Amino acid sequence: MLEKDNNLMNGKGEWDEADHPRDSDGKFTSKGGGQSTMSQVKTESQSTKKDAVKHLIETLKKIKNVKIKEIHSFIKSLNPIKLQIKDDEIIAEFDKFTADKNVFSIGNSDIEGYNYKLSNIEKLPSYIEGSKYKYSKAETGKSARQHKGVKEWHYFSKEVGDYNITVNVRDKGANKYIYEVSFKKKKTWSH
């Protein structure tokens, strides 16, 4: 017969033989008369834990997807930005592809920059406005989706806090400018 241990810190808890009777072979019998072995009880417990962990992981993924979808929706709603190319002012905006790329892809950002960008997505237009024009180059005819219909690429840069920002603007002609942005943490040198 098992002893009763009232100290729950010992991990045994209270044991009531009447709730967990054994048959002549030492197997536990349920109150309904069915038999189960210790290994079956352990397997059922492990299965329950696995199901609980699986459910938790699925819930966390759903929460993350909701947040990402909200960010994605928000980034598509951002106002266009004004940028200066020499003496000309252009208005650049996101399209569905660049909104997706800015949210779902690290792209040319480093991991710190990507996380910073997502955490401060509402400030993105103010971070980008006033970026300095660096250079332009003609489209080389690559077949990737982001190159389709592009006549020329324009590049801008700016420093914001601990980050270097690069803005790539796709010039699709007819005053249609689409941008994406990458953030990279500034390198610090120590002696």
C-alpha atoms as a PDB file:
ATOM      1  CA  MET A   1       0.000   0.000   0.000  1.00  0.00           C
ATOM      2  CA  LEU A   2       1.247   3.488  -0.862  1.00  0.00           C
ATOM      3  CA  GLU A   3       1.801   6.017   1.862  1.00  0.00           C
ATOM      4  CA  LYS A   4       0.046   9.344   1.870  1.00  0.00           C
ATOM      5  CA  ASP A   5       2.426  12.311   1.552  1.00  0.00           C
ATOM      6  CA  ASN A   6       0.852  15.683   2.322  1.00  0.00           C
ATOM      7  CA  ASN A   7       3.962  17.605   1.286  1.00  0.00           C
ATOM      8  CA  LEU A   8       3.181  18.607  -2.303  1.00  0.00           C
ATOM      9  CA  MET A   9       6.783  19.800  -2.726  1.00  0.00           C
ATOM     10  CA  ASN A  10       7.827  16.139  -2.820  1.00  0.00           C
ATOM     11  CA  GLY A  11       5.905  15.814  -6.088  1.00  0.00           C
ATOM     12  CA  LYS A  12       3.701  12.975  -4.858  1.00  0.00           C
ATOM     13  CA  GLY A  13       0.636  14.828  -3.664  1.00  0.00           C
ATOM     14  CA  GLU A  14      -2.083  12.891  -1.937  1.00  0.00           C
ATOM     15  CA  TRP A  15      -2.714   9.345  -3.061  1.00  0.00           C
ATOM     16  CA  ASP A  16      -5.978   7.624  -2.494  1.00  0.00           C
ATOM     17  CA  GLU A  17      -5.803   3.895  -3.179  1.00  0.00           C
ATOM     18  CA  ALA A  18      -9.582   3.857  -3.633  1.00  0.00           C
ATOM     19  CA  ASP A  19      -9.261   6.222  -6.633  1.00  0.00           C
ATOM     20  CA  HIS A  20      -6.396   4.190  -8.143  1.00  0.00           C
ATOM     21  CA  PRO A  21      -6.941   0.493  -7.328  1.00  0.00           C
ATOM     22  CA  ARG A  22      -4.588  -2.225  -8.671  1.00  0.00           C
ATOM     23  CA  ASP A  23      -5.445  -5.672  -9.921  1.00  0.00           C
ATOM     24  CA  SER A  24      -3.591  -8.868  -8.946  1.00  0.00           C
ATOM     25  CA  ASP A  25      -0.837  -8.178 -11.537  1.00  0.00           C
ATOM     26  CA  GLY A  26      -0.097  -4.729 -10.104  1.00  0.00           C
ATOM     27  CA  LYS A  27      -1.740  -2.872 -12.990  1.00  0.00           C
ATOM     28  CA  PHE A  28      -3.911   0.128 -12.236  1.00  0.00           C
ATOM     29  CA  THR A  29      -7.588  -0.348 -12.867  1.00  0.00           C
ATOM     30  CA  SER A  30      -9.912   2.504 -13.542  1.00  0.00           C
ATOM     31  CA  LYS A  31     -13.108   2.880 -11.591  1.00  0.00           C
ATOM     32  CA  GLY A  32     -14.906   1.678 -14.680  1.00  0.00           C
ATOM     33  CA  GLY A  33     -13.061  -1.639 -14.488  1.00  0.00           C
ATOM     34  CA  GLY A  34     -10.709  -1.105 -17.454  1.00  0.00           C
ATOM     35  CA  GLN A  35      -6.983  -1.721 -16.984  1.00  0.00           C
ATOM     36  CA  SER A  36      -4.050   0.541 -17.737  1.00  0.00           C
ATOM     37  CA  THR A  37      -0.372   0.139 -17.081  1.00  0.00           C
ATOM     38  CA  MET A  38       1.959   2.827 -15.736  1.00  0.00           C
ATOM     39  CA  SER A  39       3.479   3.194 -19.222  1.00  0.00           C
ATOM     40  CA  GLN A  40       0.027   3.847 -20.702  1.00  0.00           C
ATOM     41  CA  VAL A  41      -0.655   6.494 -18.063  1.00  0.00           C
ATOM     42  CA  LYS A  42       2.757   8.069 -18.798  1.00  0.00           C
ATOM     43  CA  THR A  43       2.144   7.972 -22.584  1.00  0.00           C
ATOM     44  CA  GLU A  44      -1.267   9.590 -22.178  1.00  0.00           C
ATOM     45  CA  SER A  45       0.304  12.309 -20.027  1.00  0.00           C
ATOM     46  CA  GLN A  46       3.069  12.914 -22.578  1.00  0.00           C
ATOM     47  CA  SER A  47       0.490  13.026 -25.372  1.00  0.00           C
ATOM     48  CA  THR A  48      -1.519  15.618 -23.454  1.00  0.00           C
ATOM     49  CA  LYS A  49       1.607  17.739 -22.923  1.00  0.00           C
ATOM     50  CA  LYS A  50       2.532  17.470 -26.617  1.00  0.00           C
ATOM     51  CA  ASP A  51      -0.986  18.540 -27.602  1.00  0.00           C
ATOM     52  CA  ALA A  52      -0.821  21.495 -25.206  1.00  0.00           C
ATOM     53  CA  VAL A  53       2.576  22.604 -26.562  1.00  0.00           C
ATOM     54  CA  LYS A  54       1.355  22.193 -30.145  1.00  0.00           C
ATOM     55  CA  HIS A  55      -1.716  24.296 -29.369  1.00  0.00           C
ATOM     56  CA  LEU A  56       0.459  26.982 -27.745  1.00  0.00           C
ATOM     57  CA  ILE A  57       2.773  27.123 -30.768  1.00  0.00           C
ATOM     58  CA  GLU A  58      -0.192  27.395 -33.154  1.00  0.00           C
ATOM     59  CA  THR A  59      -1.690  30.179 -31.044  1.00  0.00           C
ATOM     60  CA  LEU A  60       1.611  32.098 -30.991  1.00  0.00           C
ATOM     61  CA  LYS A  61       1.909  31.758 -34.771  1.00  0.00           C
ATOM     62  CA  LYS A  62      -1.622  33.132 -35.195  1.00  0.00           C
ATOM     63  CA  ILE A  63      -0.821  36.088 -32.936  1.00  0.00           C
ATOM     64  CA  LYS A  64       2.364  36.799 -34.912  1.00  0.00           C
ATOM     65  CA  ASN A  65       0.458  36.532 -38.214  1.00  0.00           C
ATOM     66  CA  VAL A  66      -2.174  38.969 -36.972  1.00  0.00           C
ATOM     67  CA  LYS A  67       0.532  41.480 -36.019  1.00  0.00           C
ATOM     68  CA  ILE A  68       2.337  41.030 -39.353  1.00  0.00           C
ATOM     69  CA  LYS A  69      -0.952  41.429 -41.258  1.00  0.00           C
ATOM     70  CA  GLU A  70      -1.685  44.632 -39.327  1.00  0.00           C
ATOM     71  CA  ILE A  71       1.805  45.968 -40.117  1.00  0.00           C
ATOM     72  CA  HIS A  72       1.406  44.951 -43.760  1.00  0.00           C
ATOM     73  CA  SER A  73      -1.948  46.720 -44.022  1.00  0.00           C
ATOM     74  CA  PHE A  74      -0.500  49.786 -42.308  1.00  0.00           C
ATOM     75  CA  ILE A  75       2.586  49.994 -44.523  1.00  0.00           C
ATOM     76  CA  LYS A  76       0.410  49.918 -47.649  1.00  0.00           C
ATOM     77  CA  SER A  77      -1.569  52.855 -46.260  1.00  0.00           C
ATOM     78  CA  LEU A  78       1.454  55.101 -45.680  1.00  0.00           C
ATOM     79  CA  ASN A  79       1.479  58.401 -47.527  1.00  0.00           C
ATOM     80  CA  PRO A  80       3.830  58.774 -50.481  1.00  0.00           C
ATOM     81  CA  ILE A  81       7.161  60.467 -49.772  1.00  0.00           C
ATOM     82  CA  LYS A  82       8.882  63.357 -51.485  1.00  0.00           C
ATOM     83  CA  LEU A  83      12.460  62.854 -52.628  1.00  0.00           C
ATOM     84  CA  GLN A  84      14.812  65.129 -54.525  1.00  0.00           C
ATOM     85  CA  ILE A  85      16.807  63.911 -57.563  1.00  0.00           C
ATOM     86  CA  LYS A  86      19.128  66.780 -58.405  1.00  0.00           C
ATOM     87  CA  ASP A  87      16.674  69.576 -59.323  1.00  0.00           C
ATOM     88  CA  ASP A  88      13.609  67.351 -59.685  1.00  0.00           C
ATOM     89  CA  GLU A  89      11.218  66.361 -56.950  1.00  0.00           C
ATOM     90  CA  ILE A  90       9.606  62.929 -57.155  1.00  0.00           C
ATOM     91  CA  ILE A  91       6.803  61.315 -55.167  1.00  0.00           C
ATOM     92  CA  ALA A  92       7.536  57.691 -54.273  1.00  0.00           C
ATOM     93  CA  GLU A  93       5.109  55.202 -52.761  1.00  0.00           C
ATOM     94  CA  PHE A  94       4.725  51.555 -51.878  1.00  0.00           C
ATOM     95  CA  ASP A  95       2.942  49.116 -54.107  1.00  0.00           C
ATOM     96  CA  LYS A  96       1.721  45.710 -52.931  1.00  0.00           C
ATOM     97  CA  PHE A  97       5.022  44.051 -53.842  1.00  0.00           C
ATOM     98  CA  THR A  98       7.242  46.522 -51.966  1.00  0.00           C
ATOM     99  CA  ALA A  99       4.866  46.572 -48.994  1.00  0.00           C
ATOM    100  CA  ASP A 100       5.171  42.779 -48.853  1.00  0.00           C
ATOM    101  CA  LYS A 101       8.936  42.932 -49.273  1.00  0.00           C
ATOM    102  CA  ASN A 102       9.370  45.549 -46.539  1.00  0.00           C
ATOM    103  CA  VAL A 103       7.371  43.460 -44.052  1.00  0.00           C
ATOM    104  CA  PHE A 104       8.015  39.834 -44.967  1.00  0.00           C
ATOM    105  CA  SER A 105      11.611  40.015 -46.146  1.00  0.00           C
ATOM    106  CA  ILE A 106      14.790  41.190 -44.473  1.00  0.00           C
ATOM    107  CA  GLY A 107      16.056  42.158 -47.930  1.00  0.00           C
ATOM    108  CA  ASN A 108      19.198  44.267 -47.709  1.00  0.00           C
ATOM    109  CA  SER A 109      18.615  45.123 -44.040  1.00  0.00           C
ATOM    110  CA  ASP A 110      20.585  43.396 -41.321  1.00  0.00           C
ATOM    111  CA  ILE A 111      18.554  41.660 -38.598  1.00  0.00           C
ATOM    112  CA  GLU A 112      18.833  44.572 -36.138  1.00  0.00           C
ATOM    113  CA  GLY A 113      17.774  47.015 -38.835  1.00  0.00           C
ATOM    114  CA  TYR A 114      14.860  44.844 -39.961  1.00  0.00           C
ATOM    115  CA  ASN A 115      13.565  44.553 -36.393  1.00  0.00           C
ATOM    116  CA  TYR A 116      14.015  48.302 -35.871  1.00  0.00           C
ATOM    117  CA  LYS A 117      12.125  49.047 -39.098  1.00  0.00           C
ATOM    118  CA  LEU A 118       9.184  46.824 -38.112  1.00  0.00           C
ATOM    119  CA  SER A 119       9.112  48.235 -34.585  1.00  0.00           C
ATOM    120  CA  ASN A 120       8.991  51.807 -35.932  1.00  0.00           C
ATOM    121  CA  ILE A 121       6.980  51.268 -39.093  1.00  0.00           C
ATOM    122  CA  GLU A 122       4.697  54.246 -38.404  1.00  0.00           C
ATOM    123  CA  LYS A 123       7.745  56.562 -38.542  1.00  0.00           C
ATOM    124  CA  LEU A 124       8.986  55.221 -41.869  1.00  0.00           C
ATOM    125  CA  PRO A 125       7.915  58.207 -44.028  1.00  0.00           C
ATOM    126  CA  SER A 126       9.563  60.690 -41.645  1.00  0.00           C
ATOM    127  CA  TYR A 127      12.730  58.590 -41.587  1.00  0.00           C
ATOM    128  CA  ILE A 128      12.876  58.508 -45.375  1.00  0.00           C
ATOM    129  CA  GLU A 129      11.879  62.110 -46.161  1.00  0.00           C
ATOM    130  CA  GLY A 130      14.984  64.193 -46.674  1.00  0.00           C
ATOM    131  CA  SER A 131      17.132  61.233 -47.761  1.00  0.00           C
ATOM    132  CA  LYS A 132      20.063  62.365 -49.863  1.00  0.00           C
ATOM    133  CA  TYR A 133      20.219  61.359 -53.503  1.00  0.00           C
ATOM    134  CA  LYS A 134      23.301  59.233 -54.235  1.00  0.00           C
ATOM    135  CA  TYR A 135      23.061  58.014 -57.847  1.00  0.00           C
ATOM    136  CA  SER A 136      20.864  56.424 -60.511  1.00  0.00           C
ATOM    137  CA  LYS A 137      21.421  53.505 -62.822  1.00  0.00           C
ATOM    138  CA  ALA A 138      19.558  52.015 -65.743  1.00  0.00           C
ATOM    139  CA  GLU A 139      17.626  48.773 -65.372  1.00  0.00           C
ATOM    140  CA  THR A 140      19.772  45.864 -66.531  1.00  0.00           C
ATOM    141  CA  GLY A 141      16.891  43.709 -67.743  1.00  0.00           C
ATOM    142  CA  LYS A 142      16.825  41.152 -64.936  1.00  0.00           C
ATOM    143  CA  SER A 143      13.803  38.870 -64.929  1.00  0.00           C
ATOM    144  CA  ALA A 144      13.036  39.066 -61.185  1.00  0.00           C
ATOM    145  CA  ARG A 145       9.613  40.430 -60.259  1.00  0.00           C
ATOM    146  CA  GLN A 146      10.931  43.695 -58.807  1.00  0.00           C
ATOM    147  CA  HIS A 147      12.643  44.501 -62.116  1.00  0.00           C
ATOM    148  CA  LYS A 148       9.511  44.155 -64.271  1.00  0.00           C
ATOM    149  CA  GLY A 149       8.645  47.435 -65.975  1.00  0.00           C
ATOM    150  CA  VAL A 150      11.494  49.362 -64.321  1.00  0.00           C
ATOM    151  CA  LYS A 151      13.258  51.944 -66.495  1.00  0.00           C
ATOM    152  CA  GLU A 152      15.780  53.203 -63.935  1.00  0.00           C
ATOM    153  CA  TRP A 153      16.795  52.792 -60.274  1.00  0.00           C
ATOM    154  CA  HIS A 154      17.462  55.736 -57.956  1.00  0.00           C
ATOM    155  CA  TYR A 155      19.349  55.372 -54.672  1.00  0.00           C
ATOM    156  CA  PHE A 156      19.104  57.547 -51.565  1.00  0.00           C
ATOM    157  CA  SER A 157      20.640  57.346 -48.110  1.00  0.00           C
ATOM    158  CA  LYS A 158      20.135  58.806 -44.665  1.00  0.00           C
ATOM    159  CA  GLU A 159      21.273  58.232 -41.088  1.00  0.00           C
ATOM    160  CA  VAL A 160      18.628  57.789 -38.397  1.00  0.00           C
ATOM    161  CA  GLY A 161      19.913  57.219 -34.884  1.00  0.00           C
ATOM    162  CA  ASP A 162      22.089  54.093 -34.895  1.00  0.00           C
ATOM    163  CA  TYR A 163      21.050  53.077 -38.420  1.00  0.00           C
ATOM    164  CA  ASN A 164      22.054  53.757 -42.006  1.00  0.00           C
ATOM    165  CA  ILE A 165      19.033  53.788 -44.296  1.00  0.00           C
ATOM    166  CA  THR A 166      19.140  53.026 -48.004  1.00  0.00           C
ATOM    167  CA  VAL A 167      16.114  53.816 -50.149  1.00  0.00           C
ATOM    168  CA  ASN A 168      15.847  52.095 -53.548  1.00  0.00           C
ATOM    169  CA  VAL A 169      13.361  53.754 -55.873  1.00  0.00           C
ATOM    170  CA  ARG A 170      12.103  51.959 -58.960  1.00  0.00           C
ATOM    171  CA  ASP A 171      11.352  54.442 -61.733  1.00  0.00           C
ATOM    172  CA  LYS A 172       8.652  52.863 -63.897  1.00  0.00           C
ATOM    173  CA  GLY A 173       8.215  55.914 -66.125  1.00  0.00           C
ATOM    174  CA  ALA A 174       5.129  58.158 -66.361  1.00  0.00           C
ATOM    175  CA  ASN A 175       5.990  59.608 -62.921  1.00  0.00           C
ATOM    176  CA  LYS A 176       5.469  56.250 -61.187  1.00  0.00           C
ATOM    177  CA  TYR A 177       8.070  55.743 -58.452  1.00  0.00           C
ATOM    178  CA  ILE A 178       7.994  52.760 -56.105  1.00  0.00           C
ATOM    179  CA  TYR A 179      10.333  52.511 -53.124  1.00  0.00           C
ATOM    180  CA  GLU A 180      11.631  50.057 -50.615  1.00  0.00           C
ATOM    181  CA  VAL A 181      13.926  50.741 -47.710  1.00  0.00           C
ATOM    182  CA  SER A 182      16.635  48.870 -45.853  1.00  0.00           C
ATOM    183  CA  PHE A 183      18.081  49.577 -42.408  1.00  0.00           C
ATOM    184  CA  LYS A 184      21.550  48.571 -41.262  1.00  0.00           C
ATOM    185  CA  LYS A 185      22.961  49.110 -37.803  1.00  0.00           C
ATOM    186  CA  LYS A 186      25.997  51.381 -37.849  1.00  0.00           C
ATOM    187  CA  LYS A 187      29.244  49.614 -37.100  1.00  0.00           C
ATOM    188  CA  THR A 188      30.956  50.626 -33.891  1.00  0.00           C
ATOM    189  CA  TRP A 189      34.683  50.303 -33.527  1.00  0.00           C
ATOM    190  CA  SER A 190      36.332  49.499 -30.256  1.00  0.00           C
ATOM    191  CA  HIS A 191      39.999  49.762 -29.389  1.00  0.00           C
END
